Each structure stands twice: as structure tokens, then as C-alpha cells.
């Protein structure tokens, strides 16, 4: 699971960076992807602390 989660984190991070270069940081799209990345990072941190 951790490897899949890490891949999803990296993919989401790349998507966020790409969107942030094309749109304002406060745009709905960038904020949504940022929130998704936060969620994934929190999941990863929770799983690694067990």
C-alpha cells in the first residue's frame, strides 16, 4: 500500500505544480488538488506512524 500511496502522492504533486504554473494559486482547481495532496500526505503519515 505504501508504494501505491507514494505513487499517488507524487502524481498529485506533479499535477498541482503543473496547474500552479498555468493558473493562479488561489484558483479552484489548484486549491482542490492541493487539498487532495494534503489528504494523501496525511494518510501516508498516519500509516507510517503505526
C-alpha atoms as a PDB file:
ATOM      1  CA  UNK A   1       0.000   0.000   0.000  1.00  0.00           C
ATOM      2  CA  UNK A   2       2.741   2.471   0.814  1.00  0.00           C
ATOM      3  CA  UNK A   3       4.268   2.202  -2.659  1.00  0.00           C
ATOM      4  CA  UNK A   4       0.879   2.835  -4.295  1.00  0.00           C
ATOM      5  CA  UNK A   5       0.226   5.718  -1.944  1.00  0.00           C
ATOM      6  CA  UNK A   6       3.645   7.222  -2.659  1.00  0.00           C
ATOM      7  CA  UNK A   7       2.972   6.977  -6.400  1.00  0.00           C
ATOM      8  CA  UNK A   8      -0.377   8.702  -5.957  1.00  0.00           C
ATOM      9  CA  UNK A   9       1.253  11.418  -3.838  1.00  0.00           C
ATOM     10  CA  UNK A  10       3.897  12.032  -6.493  1.00  0.00           C
ATOM     11  CA  UNK A  11       1.339  12.101  -9.296  1.00  0.00           C
ATOM     12  CA  UNK A  12      -0.878  14.539  -7.396  1.00  0.00           C
ATOM     13  CA  UNK A  13       2.107  16.734  -6.547  1.00  0.00           C
ATOM     14  CA  UNK A  14       3.130  16.895 -10.212  1.00  0.00           C
ATOM     15  CA  UNK A  15      -0.446  17.759 -11.199  1.00  0.00           C
ATOM     16  CA  UNK A  16      -0.561  20.541  -8.615  1.00  0.00           C
ATOM     17  CA  UNK A  17       2.758  22.005  -9.764  1.00  0.00           C
ATOM     18  CA  UNK A  18       1.613  21.922 -13.388  1.00  0.00           C
ATOM     19  CA  UNK A  19      -1.706  23.597 -12.579  1.00  0.00           C
ATOM     20  CA  UNK A  20       0.031  26.207 -10.430  1.00  0.00           C
ATOM     21  CA  UNK A  21       2.218  27.236 -13.358  1.00  0.00           C
ATOM     22  CA  UNK A  22      -0.848  27.757 -15.564  1.00  0.00           C
ATOM     23  CA  UNK A  23      -3.341  29.213 -13.094  1.00  0.00           C
ATOM     24  CA  UNK A  24      -3.376  31.476 -10.059  1.00  0.00           C
ATOM     25  CA  UNK A  25      -2.569  29.655  -6.821  1.00  0.00           C
ATOM     26  CA  UNK A  26      -5.964  30.666  -5.472  1.00  0.00           C
ATOM     27  CA  UNK A  27      -7.866  29.108  -8.382  1.00  0.00           C
ATOM     28  CA  UNK A  28     -10.436  26.468  -7.552  1.00  0.00           C
ATOM     29  CA  UNK A  29      -8.537  23.785  -9.458  1.00  0.00           C
ATOM     30  CA  UNK A  30      -5.202  24.378  -7.709  1.00  0.00           C
ATOM     31  CA  UNK A  31      -6.843  24.542  -4.284  1.00  0.00           C
ATOM     32  CA  UNK A  32      -8.723  21.272  -4.910  1.00  0.00           C
ATOM     33  CA  UNK A  33      -5.574  19.412  -5.964  1.00  0.00           C
ATOM     34  CA  UNK A  34      -3.682  20.910  -3.034  1.00  0.00           C
ATOM     35  CA  UNK A  35      -6.366  19.657  -0.652  1.00  0.00           C
ATOM     36  CA  UNK A  36      -6.170  16.201  -2.245  1.00  0.00           C
ATOM     37  CA  UNK A  37      -2.397  16.217  -1.802  1.00  0.00           C
ATOM     38  CA  UNK A  38      -2.785  17.226   1.854  1.00  0.00           C
ATOM     39  CA  UNK A  39      -5.212  14.332   2.359  1.00  0.00           C
ATOM     40  CA  UNK A  40      -2.807  11.839   0.773  1.00  0.00           C
ATOM     41  CA  UNK A  41       0.141  13.129   2.791  1.00  0.00           C
ATOM     42  CA  UNK A  42      -1.888  12.829   5.992  1.00  0.00           C
ATOM     43  CA  UNK A  43      -2.803   9.252   5.051  1.00  0.00           C
ATOM     44  CA  UNK A  44       0.852   8.444   4.440  1.00  0.00           C
ATOM     45  CA  UNK A  45       1.934   9.998   7.733  1.00  0.00           C
ATOM     46  CA  UNK A  46      -0.766   8.097   9.624  1.00  0.00           C
ATOM     47  CA  UNK A  47       0.222   4.793   8.043  1.00  0.00           C
ATOM     48  CA  UNK A  48       3.917   5.324   8.687  1.00  0.00           C
ATOM     49  CA  UNK A  49       3.331   6.151  12.376  1.00  0.00           C
ATOM     50  CA  UNK A  50       1.696   2.788  13.068  1.00  0.00           C
END
